[in-house]
Protein backbone atom coordinates (compact mmCIF):
# COMPACT_ATOMS: atom_id res chain seq x y z
CA MET A 1 -27.67 4.39 33.00
CA ILE A 2 -27.94 7.64 34.46
CA GLU A 3 -24.65 8.53 32.88
CA SER A 4 -26.28 8.53 29.23
CA ILE A 5 -29.30 10.80 29.75
CA LYS A 6 -28.78 14.37 28.45
CA LEU A 7 -30.82 16.34 30.94
CA LEU A 8 -31.90 20.41 30.32
CA VAL A 9 -32.97 21.79 33.50
CA VAL A 10 -35.22 24.95 32.89
CA ASP A 11 -35.50 27.31 35.96
CA ASP A 12 -35.39 31.70 36.20
CA GLU A 13 -34.24 31.10 39.83
CA LEU A 14 -30.46 31.45 39.43
CA ASP A 15 -29.71 30.01 42.68
CA PHE A 16 -31.66 26.97 42.34
CA LEU A 17 -30.81 26.53 38.69
CA GLU A 18 -27.06 26.48 39.69
CA THR A 19 -27.61 23.96 43.19
CA LEU A 20 -29.84 21.70 41.19
CA MET A 21 -27.39 21.37 38.27
CA LYS A 22 -24.63 20.80 40.65
CA ARG A 23 -26.53 17.94 42.51
CA LEU A 24 -27.16 16.41 39.27
CA ARG A 25 -23.54 16.57 37.83
CA LYS A 26 -22.35 15.00 41.24
CA ARG A 27 -24.22 11.89 40.22
CA GLY A 28 -22.94 11.69 36.93
CA VAL A 29 -25.78 13.29 35.08
CA HIS A 30 -24.89 15.28 31.89
CA VAL A 31 -26.89 18.34 32.51
CA GLN A 32 -27.55 21.88 31.04
CA GLY A 33 -29.37 24.90 32.45
CA VAL A 34 -30.84 27.85 31.00
CA LYS A 35 -33.30 30.47 32.77
CA SER A 36 -36.17 30.68 30.30
CA GLY A 37 -38.23 28.90 28.22
CA GLU A 38 -36.91 30.90 24.86
CA GLU A 39 -33.57 29.65 25.87
CA ALA A 40 -34.81 25.99 26.36
CA LEU A 41 -36.32 25.90 22.92
CA GLU A 42 -32.92 27.28 21.60
CA CYS A 43 -31.03 24.73 23.03
CA LEU A 44 -33.46 21.95 22.11
CA GLY A 45 -32.84 23.30 18.52
CA ARG A 46 -29.19 22.65 18.78
CA GLU A 47 -28.68 19.22 20.45
CA PRO A 48 -30.35 16.50 21.45
CA ILE A 49 -32.13 16.40 24.95
CA ASP A 50 -33.68 13.27 26.35
CA VAL A 51 -35.39 14.63 29.59
CA VAL A 52 -36.46 18.28 30.54
CA ILE A 53 -37.00 19.57 33.87
CA LEU A 54 -39.00 22.45 33.75
CA ASP A 55 -40.48 25.10 36.05
CA VAL A 56 -44.02 26.11 36.07
CA LYS A 57 -43.46 29.80 36.94
CA MET A 58 -41.25 31.89 34.92
CA PRO A 59 -41.22 35.37 33.52
CA GLY A 60 -42.07 35.68 29.82
CA MET A 61 -42.67 32.27 28.25
CA ASP A 62 -44.06 29.98 31.13
CA GLY A 63 -43.65 26.50 31.68
CA LEU A 64 -47.38 25.39 30.39
CA GLU A 65 -46.31 27.58 27.08
CA THR A 66 -42.67 26.09 27.27
CA LEU A 67 -44.29 22.64 27.41
CA LYS A 68 -46.87 23.32 24.90
CA ALA A 69 -43.79 24.35 22.24
CA ILE A 70 -41.54 21.56 22.89
CA LYS A 71 -44.14 18.99 22.63
CA ALA A 72 -44.85 20.41 19.38
CA LYS A 73 -41.26 20.68 17.93
CA HIS A 74 -39.72 17.70 20.07
CA PRO A 75 -42.30 15.06 21.00
CA LEU A 76 -40.34 12.32 22.06
CA VAL A 77 -39.00 14.61 24.64
CA GLU A 78 -40.15 13.95 27.92
CA VAL A 79 -40.61 16.87 30.35
CA ILE A 80 -41.09 16.83 34.12
CA MET A 81 -42.44 19.90 35.69
CA LEU A 82 -41.43 21.51 38.74
CA THR A 83 -43.13 24.19 41.16
CA GLY A 84 -42.94 26.19 44.45
CA HIS A 85 -46.40 26.77 44.33
CA ALA A 86 -49.09 23.84 45.02
CA ASN A 87 -51.67 24.31 42.23
CA VAL A 88 -53.27 21.07 41.42
CA GLU A 89 -55.00 22.68 38.17
CA THR A 90 -51.29 23.63 36.50
CA ALA A 91 -50.39 20.10 37.19
CA VAL A 92 -53.53 18.58 35.70
CA THR A 93 -53.12 20.82 32.54
CA GLY A 94 -49.48 20.16 32.19
CA MET A 95 -50.28 16.41 32.33
CA GLU A 96 -52.96 17.12 29.74
CA LEU A 97 -50.09 18.44 27.42
CA GLY A 98 -47.67 15.70 27.67
CA ALA A 99 -45.79 15.96 30.51
CA PHE A 100 -44.11 13.26 32.11
CA ASP A 101 -44.64 13.80 35.48
CA TYR A 102 -44.83 16.78 38.11
CA LEU A 103 -42.70 17.66 41.50
CA MET A 104 -43.17 20.27 43.86
CA LYS A 105 -40.18 22.47 44.83
CA PRO A 106 -38.23 21.68 47.10
CA MET A 107 -38.17 18.02 45.77
CA ASP A 108 -35.95 15.11 47.20
CA ILE A 109 -32.99 14.80 44.38
CA ASP A 110 -33.26 10.82 44.67
CA GLU A 111 -37.12 11.37 43.86
CA LEU A 112 -36.41 13.83 40.72
CA LEU A 113 -33.33 11.22 39.61
CA TYR A 114 -36.16 8.33 39.53
CA LYS A 115 -38.52 9.99 37.55
CA VAL A 116 -35.68 11.33 34.91
CA GLN A 117 -34.79 7.88 34.44
CA ASP A 118 -38.41 6.58 33.89
CA ALA A 119 -38.81 9.84 31.68
CA TYR A 120 -35.75 8.61 29.74
CA GLN A 121 -36.79 5.06 29.37
CA LYS A 122 -40.42 6.00 28.03
CA LYS A 123 -38.44 7.97 25.53
CA MET A 124 -35.79 4.90 24.84
CA LEU A 125 -39.18 2.86 24.18
CA HIS A 126 -40.72 5.47 22.25
CA GLU A 127 -37.60 5.85 20.04
CA THR A 128 -37.33 2.15 19.45
CA ARG A 129 -40.91 1.72 18.43
CA ILE A 130 -40.58 4.33 15.64
CA ALA A 131 -37.46 2.43 14.38
CA LEU A 132 -39.02 -0.85 14.63
CA ARG A 133 -42.00 0.90 12.46
CA ARG A 134 -39.55 2.08 10.12
CA LYS A 135 -37.95 -0.87 9.32
CA ILE A 136 -41.11 -3.04 9.09
CA ALA A 137 -42.32 -0.67 6.73
CA GLU A 138 -38.97 -0.24 4.40
CA GLY A 139 -39.45 -4.23 4.80
CA GLY A 140 -42.90 -3.82 2.73
CA ASN A 141 -44.77 -5.75 5.45
CA GLU A 142 -48.49 -4.94 5.31
CA ASP A 143 -49.16 -4.98 8.74
CA GLU A 144 -47.17 -1.84 9.47
CA ASP A 145 -50.20 -0.07 11.14
CA LYS A 146 -50.48 -2.59 14.19
């Protein structure tokens, strides 16, 4: 299943970004990387992405601002927040804004992959529900709001 996930990593630390992408590719993940929130939004506008791994601390548009923009424009995309700075308040805010989960750097690659798979499954479930609702609505079923 991991091979079918389209993943985007957003981190301004180039060494970390390249290393993480290399490790994910070795495990068969289709991954792209960008260095800013602005670039992430451009990428999401160009092609379908399932899960975003998003650094919290970035110059310019930070992780929380980027999360808000992603959720506003692409509400089904799941976002996993990453930070090198222990900050419970930021984690709580991120979750309130719709982040799927939150991990501390450096994180275990297997733990990250489990979270990515869980986030992907959640996105697929939402897409299936939406498709079913559309199908019911097109069939003229009066119980479509349930």
